[in-house]
Amino acid sequence: MITTPSIIYSVLAYVANPGNNTVSIIDIETNLMTYNILVKSIPYRLAITPDGMRIYVANYGDLTISVIDTIANAVTATIFTEGNLSGLAITPDGTRIYVTNEDNNTILVIDIATNTVIATVYVGTTPNEVAITPDGKYAYVTNVGSDNVSVINTNTNTVISTISVGYKPSGVAITPDGKHAYVTNKFSDNVSVINTAINKVISTIFVGYKPSGIVITPDGMYAYVTNAGSNNISVINTAKNTVTATVFVGDAPSGLAITPDGTHVYVTNEFSDNVSVINTATNTVTSTTDIKSNSFPIRILIKNGM
């Protein structure tokens, strides 16, 4: 039987499982699942506050956001919204959450201090994922239904630019220096690279089949992309914008997270009910962590130790 951890591990991974409405915890030191937190219906995306104290979980099935206290590893609040919530991102200062609302084609801006919606921003059709620049000034939103990316000024909460990308854009990640946004185009089988100074696509990189999630290493040198249709990961050299390695993982890889030291990437394999661990020095799978059967793990994040 899985029990609540009696100690605080140095680094933990949190996995959203829409199949059983839980968030699983993986101890990074042992790569074993240690605990399940029950949330609301169909947890879909995760975001963590900069201090690591709270995780916000977008529950796609019942239009809510669960707030997890990462010390108690328990849900301490539920935010009620409207529309199907998909992606979410927290500003670097930890004051606001930007949440995509697919039904209403909007971004909801939530005040973390009060857990209330303070602004609504209209974007493109079926917004999916959102990423915020390291300086907190801009949010980049992938709009699946309109094949573009909306750029929001977070000071005014207005759209200042719309960038055409590939077919059905899905994931988005921004380099640590804030100069580029990488967007996965799920039905173009490629990644668009946006120069954030001019908000234009400057490069297109072909990857595997149905790219979805994307994460960039802390040094900004590589981007890792999940290819859900080809069951592998494309590794992109961001200096050359070329694929330098392909790593095969489980069935239908979706989400990724990278350890703070950049040495390992954790990948959720939705239809394998497990998580693959990739060593970034060798780009090989060094471990696989099983999640409960029919949990369909879809996204993952990693919390620093305390």
C-alpha atoms as a PDB file:
ATOM      1  CA  MET A   1       0.000   0.000   0.000  1.00  0.00           C
ATOM      2  CA  ILE A   2       1.271   3.492  -0.878  1.00  0.00           C
ATOM      3  CA  THR A   3       1.518   5.778   2.145  1.00  0.00           C
ATOM      4  CA  THR A   4       2.254   9.443   2.667  1.00  0.00           C
ATOM      5  CA  PRO A   5       6.021  10.108   2.620  1.00  0.00           C
ATOM      6  CA  SER A   6       7.399  10.564   6.139  1.00  0.00           C
ATOM      7  CA  ILE A   7      10.262  12.780   4.971  1.00  0.00           C
ATOM      8  CA  ILE A   8      10.677  15.595   2.485  1.00  0.00           C
ATOM      9  CA  TYR A   9      12.780  14.393  -0.419  1.00  0.00           C
ATOM     10  CA  SER A  10      15.358  16.627  -2.044  1.00  0.00           C
ATOM     11  CA  VAL A  11      13.516  16.714  -5.365  1.00  0.00           C
ATOM     12  CA  LEU A  12      10.015  15.472  -6.217  1.00  0.00           C
ATOM     13  CA  ALA A  13       8.109  15.026  -9.468  1.00  0.00           C
ATOM     14  CA  TYR A  14       4.354  15.539  -9.630  1.00  0.00           C
ATOM     15  CA  VAL A  15       2.357  13.746 -12.346  1.00  0.00           C
ATOM     16  CA  ALA A  16      -1.188  14.578 -13.508  1.00  0.00           C
ATOM     17  CA  ASN A  17      -3.277  11.422 -14.086  1.00  0.00           C
ATOM     18  CA  PRO A  18      -6.603  12.085 -15.857  1.00  0.00           C
ATOM     19  CA  GLY A  19      -7.478   8.380 -15.767  1.00  0.00           C
ATOM     20  CA  ASN A  20      -7.976   8.242 -12.010  1.00  0.00           C
ATOM     21  CA  ASN A  21      -8.209  11.925 -11.030  1.00  0.00           C
ATOM     22  CA  THR A  22      -4.969  11.966  -9.086  1.00  0.00           C
ATOM     23  CA  VAL A  23      -1.587  13.638  -8.969  1.00  0.00           C
ATOM     24  CA  SER A  24       1.198  11.120  -8.294  1.00  0.00           C
ATOM     25  CA  ILE A  25       4.438  11.957  -6.500  1.00  0.00           C
ATOM     26  CA  ILE A  26       7.734  10.438  -7.627  1.00  0.00           C
ATOM     27  CA  ASP A  27      10.854  10.546  -5.463  1.00  0.00           C
ATOM     28  CA  ILE A  28      13.610  11.606  -7.855  1.00  0.00           C
ATOM     29  CA  GLU A  29      16.312   9.955  -5.730  1.00  0.00           C
ATOM     30  CA  THR A  30      14.790   6.496  -6.128  1.00  0.00           C
ATOM     31  CA  ASN A  31      12.495   7.029  -9.142  1.00  0.00           C
ATOM     32  CA  LEU A  32       9.682   5.348  -7.232  1.00  0.00           C
ATOM     33  CA  MET A  33       6.107   6.582  -6.952  1.00  0.00           C
ATOM     34  CA  THR A  34       5.452   7.308  -3.288  1.00  0.00           C
ATOM     35  CA  TYR A  35       1.987   8.846  -3.021  1.00  0.00           C
ATOM     36  CA  ASN A  36      -1.222   9.778  -4.868  1.00  0.00           C
ATOM     37  CA  ILE A  37      -3.172  12.995  -4.227  1.00  0.00           C
ATOM     38  CA  LEU A  38      -6.855  12.920  -5.170  1.00  0.00           C
ATOM     39  CA  VAL A  39      -7.936  16.048  -7.052  1.00  0.00           C
ATOM     40  CA  LYS A  40     -10.976  16.812  -9.232  1.00  0.00           C
ATOM     41  CA  SER A  41     -12.147  15.385 -12.577  1.00  0.00           C
ATOM     42  CA  ILE A  42      -9.564  14.859 -15.340  1.00  0.00           C
ATOM     43  CA  PRO A  43      -6.471  16.705 -14.072  1.00  0.00           C
ATOM     44  CA  TYR A  44      -4.756  17.910 -17.210  1.00  0.00           C
ATOM     45  CA  ARG A  45      -1.970  20.445 -16.560  1.00  0.00           C
ATOM     46  CA  LEU A  46       0.186  21.520 -13.641  1.00  0.00           C
ATOM     47  CA  ALA A  47       2.038  24.656 -12.570  1.00  0.00           C
ATOM     48  CA  ILE A  48       4.120  25.374  -9.463  1.00  0.00           C
ATOM     49  CA  THR A  49       4.727  28.645  -7.647  1.00  0.00           C
ATOM     50  CA  PRO A  50       8.321  29.958  -7.736  1.00  0.00           C
ATOM     51  CA  ASP A  51       8.771  29.203  -4.027  1.00  0.00           C
ATOM     52  CA  GLY A  52       7.646  25.604  -4.617  1.00  0.00           C
ATOM     53  CA  MET A  53       4.988  25.808  -1.920  1.00  0.00           C
ATOM     54  CA  ARG A  54       1.884  25.323  -4.062  1.00  0.00           C
ATOM     55  CA  ILE A  55       0.931  23.426  -7.201  1.00  0.00           C
ATOM     56  CA  TYR A  56      -2.076  24.437  -9.284  1.00  0.00           C
ATOM     57  CA  VAL A  57      -3.838  21.665 -11.213  1.00  0.00           C
ATOM     58  CA  ALA A  58      -6.213  22.415 -14.104  1.00  0.00           C
ATOM     59  CA  ASN A  59      -9.052  19.879 -13.931  1.00  0.00           C
ATOM     60  CA  TYR A  60     -10.379  19.573 -17.471  1.00  0.00           C
ATOM     61  CA  GLY A  61     -13.429  17.545 -16.497  1.00  0.00           C
ATOM     62  CA  ASP A  62     -15.155  19.841 -14.015  1.00  0.00           C
ATOM     63  CA  LEU A  63     -13.908  23.378 -14.745  1.00  0.00           C
ATOM     64  CA  THR A  64     -11.907  23.739 -11.546  1.00  0.00           C
ATOM     65  CA  ILE A  65      -8.335  24.264 -10.386  1.00  0.00           C
ATOM     66  CA  SER A  66      -7.053  22.280  -7.409  1.00  0.00           C
ATOM     67  CA  VAL A  67      -4.458  23.928  -5.174  1.00  0.00           C
ATOM     68  CA  ILE A  68      -1.967  21.493  -3.612  1.00  0.00           C
ATOM     69  CA  ASP A  69       0.140  22.381  -0.588  1.00  0.00           C
ATOM     70  CA  THR A  70       3.493  20.714  -1.328  1.00  0.00           C
ATOM     71  CA  ILE A  71       4.453  20.362   2.330  1.00  0.00           C
ATOM     72  CA  ALA A  72       1.296  18.522   3.341  1.00  0.00           C
ATOM     73  CA  ASN A  73       0.854  17.098  -0.182  1.00  0.00           C
ATOM     74  CA  ALA A  74      -2.861  17.712   0.089  1.00  0.00           C
ATOM     75  CA  VAL A  75      -5.471  19.827  -1.691  1.00  0.00           C
ATOM     76  CA  THR A  76      -6.086  22.978   0.348  1.00  0.00           C
ATOM     77  CA  ALA A  77      -8.343  24.946  -2.010  1.00  0.00           C
ATOM     78  CA  THR A  78     -10.448  24.626  -5.150  1.00  0.00           C
ATOM     79  CA  ILE A  79     -10.915  27.466  -7.625  1.00  0.00           C
ATOM     80  CA  PHE A  80     -14.176  27.359  -9.584  1.00  0.00           C
ATOM     81  CA  THR A  81     -14.059  28.741 -13.119  1.00  0.00           C
ATOM     82  CA  GLU A  82     -15.962  28.210 -16.370  1.00  0.00           C
ATOM     83  CA  GLY A  83     -15.097  26.449 -19.614  1.00  0.00           C
ATOM     84  CA  ASN A  84     -12.650  23.624 -20.244  1.00  0.00           C
ATOM     85  CA  LEU A  85      -9.306  24.520 -18.691  1.00  0.00           C
ATOM     86  CA  SER A  86      -6.211  23.274 -20.459  1.00  0.00           C
ATOM     87  CA  GLY A  87      -2.841  24.947 -19.903  1.00  0.00           C
ATOM     88  CA  LEU A  88      -1.654  27.167 -17.093  1.00  0.00           C
ATOM     89  CA  ALA A  89       1.467  29.117 -16.164  1.00  0.00           C
ATOM     90  CA  ILE A  90       2.496  31.178 -13.144  1.00  0.00           C
ATOM     91  CA  THR A  91       4.272  34.529 -13.364  1.00  0.00           C
ATOM     92  CA  PRO A  92       7.900  34.569 -12.128  1.00  0.00           C
ATOM     93  CA  ASP A  93       6.930  36.792  -9.181  1.00  0.00           C
ATOM     94  CA  GLY A  94       4.338  34.216  -8.105  1.00  0.00           C
ATOM     95  CA  THR A  95       1.415  36.633  -8.041  1.00  0.00           C
ATOM     96  CA  ARG A  96      -0.760  35.483 -10.951  1.00  0.00           C
ATOM     97  CA  ILE A  97      -1.762  32.395 -12.926  1.00  0.00           C
ATOM     98  CA  TYR A  98      -2.600  32.493 -16.630  1.00  0.00           C
ATOM     99  CA  VAL A  99      -5.046  29.719 -17.573  1.00  0.00           C
ATOM    100  CA  THR A 100      -6.301  28.752 -21.043  1.00  0.00           C
ATOM    101  CA  ASN A 101     -10.075  28.388 -21.365  1.00  0.00           C
ATOM    102  CA  GLU A 102     -10.805  26.358 -24.500  1.00  0.00           C
ATOM    103  CA  ASP A 103     -14.581  26.836 -24.519  1.00  0.00           C
ATOM    104  CA  ASN A 104     -14.522  30.625 -24.420  1.00  0.00           C
ATOM    105  CA  ASN A 105     -11.283  31.232 -26.346  1.00  0.00           C
ATOM    106  CA  THR A 106      -9.914  33.198 -23.433  1.00  0.00           C
ATOM    107  CA  ILE A 107      -7.119  33.379 -20.902  1.00  0.00           C
ATOM    108  CA  LEU A 108      -8.210  33.675 -17.292  1.00  0.00           C
ATOM    109  CA  VAL A 109      -5.870  35.675 -15.064  1.00  0.00           C
ATOM    110  CA  ILE A 110      -6.066  34.512 -11.459  1.00  0.00           C
ATOM    111  CA  ASP A 111      -4.740  36.387  -8.437  1.00  0.00           C
ATOM    112  CA  ILE A 112      -2.828  33.858  -6.338  1.00  0.00           C
ATOM    113  CA  ALA A 113      -3.347  35.775  -3.085  1.00  0.00           C
ATOM    114  CA  THR A 114      -7.135  35.495  -3.360  1.00  0.00           C
ATOM    115  CA  ASN A 115      -7.557  32.593  -5.841  1.00  0.00           C
ATOM    116  CA  THR A 116      -9.983  34.712  -7.857  1.00  0.00           C
ATOM    117  CA  VAL A 117     -10.180  35.652 -11.543  1.00  0.00           C
ATOM    118  CA  ILE A 118      -9.094  39.280 -11.971  1.00  0.00           C
ATOM    119  CA  ALA A 119      -9.000  39.554 -15.773  1.00  0.00           C
ATOM    120  CA  THR A 120     -10.145  37.782 -18.947  1.00  0.00           C
ATOM    121  CA  VAL A 121      -8.177  38.053 -22.184  1.00  0.00           C
ATOM    122  CA  TYR A 122      -9.624  36.975 -25.532  1.00  0.00           C
ATOM    123  CA  VAL A 123      -7.141  35.102 -27.728  1.00  0.00           C
ATOM    124  CA  GLY A 124      -7.400  32.718 -30.697  1.00  0.00           C
ATOM    125  CA  THR A 125      -9.572  29.655 -31.150  1.00  0.00           C
ATOM    126  CA  THR A 126      -9.156  26.797 -28.648  1.00  0.00           C
ATOM    127  CA  PRO A 127      -6.184  28.060 -26.619  1.00  0.00           C
ATOM    128  CA  ASN A 128      -4.173  25.124 -25.327  1.00  0.00           C
ATOM    129  CA  GLU A 129      -0.880  25.931 -23.601  1.00  0.00           C
ATOM    130  CA  VAL A 130       0.682  29.084 -22.179  1.00  0.00           C
ATOM    131  CA  ALA A 131       4.254  30.068 -21.247  1.00  0.00           C
ATOM    132  CA  ILE A 132       5.482  33.265 -19.611  1.00  0.00           C
ATOM    133  CA  THR A 133       8.777  34.993 -20.376  1.00  0.00           C
ATOM    134  CA  PRO A 134      11.417  34.929 -17.604  1.00  0.00           C
ATOM    135  CA  ASP A 135      10.964  38.664 -17.003  1.00  0.00           C
ATOM    136  CA  GLY A 136       7.216  38.122 -16.557  1.00  0.00           C
ATOM    137  CA  LYS A 137       6.293  40.740 -19.161  1.00  0.00           C
ATOM    138  CA  TYR A 138       4.671  38.522 -21.797  1.00  0.00           C
ATOM    139  CA  ALA A 139       2.593  35.341 -22.049  1.00  0.00           C
ATOM    140  CA  TYR A 140       2.670  33.194 -25.202  1.00  0.00           C
ATOM    141  CA  VAL A 141      -0.490  31.172 -25.906  1.00  0.00           C
ATOM    142  CA  THR A 142      -0.886  28.391 -28.477  1.00  0.00           C
ATOM    143  CA  ASN A 143      -4.265  28.485 -30.227  1.00  0.00           C
ATOM    144  CA  VAL A 144      -5.015  25.025 -31.625  1.00  0.00           C
ATOM    145  CA  GLY A 145      -8.035  26.028 -33.651  1.00  0.00           C
ATOM    146  CA  SER A 146      -6.556  29.074 -35.360  1.00  0.00           C
ATOM    147  CA  ASP A 147      -2.993  27.816 -35.963  1.00  0.00           C
ATOM    148  CA  ASN A 148      -1.374  30.758 -34.276  1.00  0.00           C
ATOM    149  CA  VAL A 149       0.159  32.079 -31.076  1.00  0.00           C
ATOM    150  CA  SER A 150      -1.209  35.039 -29.115  1.00  0.00           C
ATOM    151  CA  VAL A 151       1.238  37.269 -27.243  1.00  0.00           C
ATOM    152  CA  ILE A 152      -0.192  38.940 -24.139  1.00  0.00           C
ATOM    153  CA  ASN A 153       1.297  41.947 -22.400  1.00  0.00           C
ATOM    154  CA  THR A 154       0.923  40.895 -18.762  1.00  0.00           C
ATOM    155  CA  ASN A 155       1.002  44.493 -17.526  1.00  0.00           C
ATOM    156  CA  THR A 156      -2.109  45.478 -19.474  1.00  0.00           C
ATOM    157  CA  ASN A 157      -3.508  41.970 -20.107  1.00  0.00           C
ATOM    158  CA  THR A 158      -4.034  42.730 -23.781  1.00  0.00           C
ATOM    159  CA  VAL A 159      -2.977  40.820 -26.899  1.00  0.00           C
ATOM    160  CA  ILE A 160      -0.171  42.755 -28.605  1.00  0.00           C
ATOM    161  CA  SER A 161       0.715  40.284 -31.363  1.00  0.00           C
ATOM    162  CA  THR A 162      -0.613  37.219 -33.194  1.00  0.00           C
ATOM    163  CA  ILE A 163       1.913  34.910 -34.850  1.00  0.00           C
ATOM    164  CA  SER A 164       1.015  32.302 -37.482  1.00  0.00           C
ATOM    165  CA  VAL A 165       2.724  28.955 -36.852  1.00  0.00           C
ATOM    166  CA  GLY A 166       2.065  25.380 -37.983  1.00  0.00           C
ATOM    167  CA  TYR A 167      -1.047  23.210 -37.941  1.00  0.00           C
ATOM    168  CA  LYS A 168      -2.606  22.654 -34.497  1.00  0.00           C
ATOM    169  CA  PRO A 169       0.025  24.261 -32.232  1.00  0.00           C
ATOM    170  CA  SER A 170       0.195  22.558 -28.870  1.00  0.00           C
ATOM    171  CA  GLY A 171       3.115  23.021 -26.471  1.00  0.00           C
ATOM    172  CA  VAL A 172       5.193  26.144 -25.931  1.00  0.00           C
ATOM    173  CA  ALA A 173       8.422  26.799 -24.033  1.00  0.00           C
ATOM    174  CA  ILE A 174      10.583  29.891 -23.742  1.00  0.00           C
ATOM    175  CA  THR A 175      14.373  29.899 -23.533  1.00  0.00           C
ATOM    176  CA  PRO A 176      15.932  30.995 -20.215  1.00  0.00           C
ATOM    177  CA  ASP A 177      17.202  34.211 -21.809  1.00  0.00           C
ATOM    178  CA  GLY A 178      13.682  34.991 -23.039  1.00  0.00           C
ATOM    179  CA  LYS A 179      14.823  35.514 -26.626  1.00  0.00           C
ATOM    180  CA  HIS A 180      12.970  32.618 -28.271  1.00  0.00           C
ATOM    181  CA  ALA A 181       9.703  30.712 -27.901  1.00  0.00           C
ATOM    182  CA  TYR A 182       9.539  27.133 -29.209  1.00  0.00           C
ATOM    183  CA  VAL A 183       6.098  25.899 -30.318  1.00  0.00           C
ATOM    184  CA  THR A 184       5.168  22.306 -31.155  1.00  0.00           C
ATOM    185  CA  ASN A 185       2.795  21.977 -34.120  1.00  0.00           C
ATOM    186  CA  LYS A 186       1.020  18.681 -33.560  1.00  0.00           C
ATOM    187  CA  PHE A 187      -0.264  18.050 -37.077  1.00  0.00           C
ATOM    188  CA  SER A 188       2.610  19.642 -38.969  1.00  0.00           C
ATOM    189  CA  ASP A 189       5.148  17.374 -37.229  1.00  0.00           C
ATOM    190  CA  ASN A 190       7.403  20.332 -36.608  1.00  0.00           C
ATOM    191  CA  VAL A 191       8.446  23.032 -34.155  1.00  0.00           C
ATOM    192  CA  SER A 192       8.235  26.761 -34.853  1.00  0.00           C
ATOM    193  CA  VAL A 193      10.928  29.000 -33.365  1.00  0.00           C
ATOM    194  CA  ILE A 194       9.733  32.521 -32.576  1.00  0.00           C
ATOM    195  CA  ASN A 195      12.085  35.454 -32.072  1.00  0.00           C
ATOM    196  CA  THR A 196      10.405  37.227 -29.145  1.00  0.00           C
ATOM    197  CA  ALA A 197      11.978  40.601 -29.969  1.00  0.00           C
ATOM    198  CA  ILE A 198      10.092  40.805 -33.272  1.00  0.00           C
ATOM    199  CA  ASN A 199       7.444  38.117 -32.669  1.00  0.00           C
ATOM    200  CA  LYS A 200       8.120  36.313 -35.924  1.00  0.00           C
ATOM    201  CA  VAL A 201       8.915  32.697 -36.788  1.00  0.00           C
ATOM    202  CA  ILE A 202      12.582  32.496 -37.720  1.00  0.00           C
ATOM    203  CA  SER A 203      12.991  28.734 -38.053  1.00  0.00           C
ATOM    204  CA  THR A 204      10.949  25.540 -38.530  1.00  0.00           C
ATOM    205  CA  ILE A 205      12.322  22.222 -37.261  1.00  0.00           C
ATOM    206  CA  PHE A 206      10.845  18.891 -38.326  1.00  0.00           C
ATOM    207  CA  VAL A 207      10.618  16.367 -35.509  1.00  0.00           C
ATOM    208  CA  GLY A 208       8.631  13.161 -34.961  1.00  0.00           C
ATOM    209  CA  TYR A 209       4.945  12.366 -35.409  1.00  0.00           C
ATOM    210  CA  LYS A 210       2.430  14.495 -33.467  1.00  0.00           C
ATOM    211  CA  PRO A 211       4.764  16.607 -31.298  1.00  0.00           C
ATOM    212  CA  SER A 212       3.078  17.824 -28.139  1.00  0.00           C
ATOM    213  CA  GLY A 213       5.081  18.715 -25.031  1.00  0.00           C
ATOM    214  CA  ILE A 214       8.328  20.643 -24.965  1.00  0.00           C
ATOM    215  CA  VAL A 215      10.886  21.617 -22.332  1.00  0.00           C
ATOM    216  CA  ILE A 216      14.152  23.543 -22.583  1.00  0.00           C
ATOM    217  CA  THR A 217      17.253  22.739 -20.544  1.00  0.00           C
ATOM    218  CA  PRO A 218      18.289  25.258 -17.846  1.00  0.00           C
ATOM    219  CA  ASP A 219      21.329  26.298 -19.897  1.00  0.00           C
ATOM    220  CA  GLY A 220      19.102  26.912 -22.917  1.00  0.00           C
ATOM    221  CA  MET A 221      21.189  24.669 -25.159  1.00  0.00           C
ATOM    222  CA  TYR A 222      18.615  21.960 -25.916  1.00  0.00           C
ATOM    223  CA  ALA A 223      14.874  21.522 -26.301  1.00  0.00           C
ATOM    224  CA  TYR A 224      13.239  18.138 -25.686  1.00  0.00           C
ATOM    225  CA  VAL A 225      10.010  17.397 -27.582  1.00  0.00           C
ATOM    226  CA  THR A 226       7.517  14.569 -27.014  1.00  0.00           C
ATOM    227  CA  ASN A 227       6.298  12.946 -30.242  1.00  0.00           C
ATOM    228  CA  ALA A 228       3.066  11.231 -29.188  1.00  0.00           C
ATOM    229  CA  GLY A 229       2.553   9.483 -32.525  1.00  0.00           C
ATOM    230  CA  SER A 230       6.031   8.008 -32.905  1.00  0.00           C
ATOM    231  CA  ASN A 231       6.686   7.180 -29.225  1.00  0.00           C
ATOM    232  CA  ASN A 232       9.934   9.086 -29.065  1.00  0.00           C
ATOM    233  CA  ILE A 233      11.616  12.308 -28.013  1.00  0.00           C
ATOM    234  CA  SER A 234      13.355  14.707 -30.386  1.00  0.00           C
ATOM    235  CA  VAL A 235      16.337  16.575 -28.958  1.00  0.00           C
ATOM    236  CA  ILE A 236      16.886  19.962 -30.587  1.00  0.00           C
ATOM    237  CA  ASN A 237      20.154  21.879 -30.484  1.00  0.00           C
ATOM    238  CA  THR A 238      18.873  25.442 -29.990  1.00  0.00           C
ATOM    239  CA  ALA A 239      22.020  27.067 -31.375  1.00  0.00           C
ATOM    240  CA  LYS A 240      21.592  25.297 -34.721  1.00  0.00           C
ATOM    241  CA  ASN A 241      17.834  24.561 -34.504  1.00  0.00           C
ATOM    242  CA  THR A 242      18.401  21.018 -35.686  1.00  0.00           C
ATOM    243  CA  VAL A 243      17.484  17.630 -34.194  1.00  0.00           C
ATOM    244  CA  THR A 244      20.621  16.035 -32.795  1.00  0.00           C
ATOM    245  CA  ALA A 245      19.153  12.932 -31.133  1.00  0.00           C
ATOM    246  CA  THR A 246      16.018  10.792 -30.986  1.00  0.00           C
ATOM    247  CA  VAL A 247      15.157   8.861 -27.834  1.00  0.00           C
ATOM    248  CA  PHE A 248      12.508   6.126 -27.835  1.00  0.00           C
ATOM    249  CA  VAL A 249      10.327   5.992 -24.748  1.00  0.00           C
ATOM    250  CA  GLY A 250       6.878   4.544 -23.939  1.00  0.00           C
ATOM    251  CA  ASP A 251       3.520   4.678 -25.681  1.00  0.00           C
ATOM    252  CA  ALA A 252       2.143   8.176 -26.420  1.00  0.00           C
ATOM    253  CA  PRO A 253       4.665  10.407 -24.638  1.00  0.00           C
ATOM    254  CA  SER A 254       3.051  13.685 -23.696  1.00  0.00           C
ATOM    255  CA  GLY A 255       4.573  15.783 -20.906  1.00  0.00           C
ATOM    256  CA  LEU A 256       8.142  16.511 -19.908  1.00  0.00           C
ATOM    257  CA  ALA A 257      10.004  18.063 -17.003  1.00  0.00           C
ATOM    258  CA  ILE A 258      13.712  18.557 -16.444  1.00  0.00           C
ATOM    259  CA  THR A 259      15.617  18.363 -13.177  1.00  0.00           C
ATOM    260  CA  PRO A 260      16.994  21.654 -11.837  1.00  0.00           C
ATOM    261  CA  ASP A 261      20.562  20.579 -12.626  1.00  0.00           C
ATOM    262  CA  GLY A 262      19.603  19.688 -16.196  1.00  0.00           C
ATOM    263  CA  THR A 263      20.902  16.129 -15.944  1.00  0.00           C
ATOM    264  CA  HIS A 264      17.631  14.243 -16.454  1.00  0.00           C
ATOM    265  CA  VAL A 265      14.364  14.672 -18.333  1.00  0.00           C
ATOM    266  CA  TYR A 266      11.205  12.954 -17.063  1.00  0.00           C
ATOM    267  CA  VAL A 267       8.618  11.958 -19.684  1.00  0.00           C
ATOM    268  CA  THR A 268       4.997  10.879 -19.104  1.00  0.00           C
ATOM    269  CA  ASN A 269       3.928   8.001 -21.370  1.00  0.00           C
ATOM    270  CA  GLU A 270       0.155   8.274 -21.438  1.00  0.00           C
ATOM    271  CA  PHE A 271      -0.761   4.826 -22.755  1.00  0.00           C
ATOM    272  CA  SER A 272       2.059   2.954 -21.006  1.00  0.00           C
ATOM    273  CA  ASP A 273       1.062   4.274 -17.571  1.00  0.00           C
ATOM    274  CA  ASN A 274       4.648   5.098 -16.753  1.00  0.00           C
ATOM    275  CA  VAL A 275       7.349   7.756 -16.733  1.00  0.00           C
ATOM    276  CA  SER A 276      10.639   7.447 -18.612  1.00  0.00           C
ATOM    277  CA  VAL A 277      13.802   9.023 -17.216  1.00  0.00           C
ATOM    278  CA  ILE A 278      16.323  10.261 -19.795  1.00  0.00           C
ATOM    279  CA  ASN A 279      19.963  11.008 -18.997  1.00  0.00           C
ATOM    280  CA  THR A 280      20.666  14.221 -20.915  1.00  0.00           C
ATOM    281  CA  ALA A 281      24.407  13.507 -21.174  1.00  0.00           C
ATOM    282  CA  THR A 282      23.834  10.300 -23.149  1.00  0.00           C
ATOM    283  CA  ASN A 283      20.220  10.790 -24.299  1.00  0.00           C
ATOM    284  CA  THR A 284      19.321   7.298 -23.170  1.00  0.00           C
ATOM    285  CA  VAL A 285      16.496   6.044 -20.956  1.00  0.00           C
ATOM    286  CA  THR A 286      18.021   5.055 -17.625  1.00  0.00           C
ATOM    287  CA  SER A 287      14.878   4.279 -15.627  1.00  0.00           C
ATOM    288  CA  THR A 288      11.124   3.751 -15.922  1.00  0.00           C
ATOM    289  CA  THR A 289       8.672   4.511 -13.124  1.00  0.00           C
ATOM    290  CA  ASP A 290       5.306   2.759 -13.172  1.00  0.00           C
ATOM    291  CA  ILE A 291       2.141   4.697 -12.380  1.00  0.00           C
ATOM    292  CA  LYS A 292      -1.117   2.972 -11.424  1.00  0.00           C
ATOM    293  CA  SER A 293      -2.815   1.125 -14.313  1.00  0.00           C
ATOM    294  CA  ASN A 294      -5.222   3.190 -16.426  1.00  0.00           C
ATOM    295  CA  SER A 295      -4.022   6.436 -14.878  1.00  0.00           C
ATOM    296  CA  PHE A 296      -2.957   7.807 -18.299  1.00  0.00           C
ATOM    297  CA  PRO A 297      -0.253  10.187 -17.004  1.00  0.00           C
ATOM    298  CA  ILE A 298      -0.282  13.265 -19.186  1.00  0.00           C
ATOM    299  CA  ARG A 299       1.846  16.027 -17.633  1.00  0.00           C
ATOM    300  CA  ILE A 300       4.648  16.323 -15.101  1.00  0.00           C
ATOM    301  CA  LEU A 301       6.570  18.975 -13.184  1.00  0.00           C
ATOM    302  CA  ILE A 302       9.550  18.831 -10.859  1.00  0.00           C
ATOM    303  CA  LYS A 303       9.844  20.604  -7.536  1.00  0.00           C
ATOM    304  CA  ASN A 304      13.170  21.636  -6.033  1.00  0.00           C
ATOM    305  CA  GLY A 305      14.101  20.261  -2.639  1.00  0.00           C
ATOM    306  CA  MET A 306      13.881  22.241   0.574  1.00  0.00           C
END
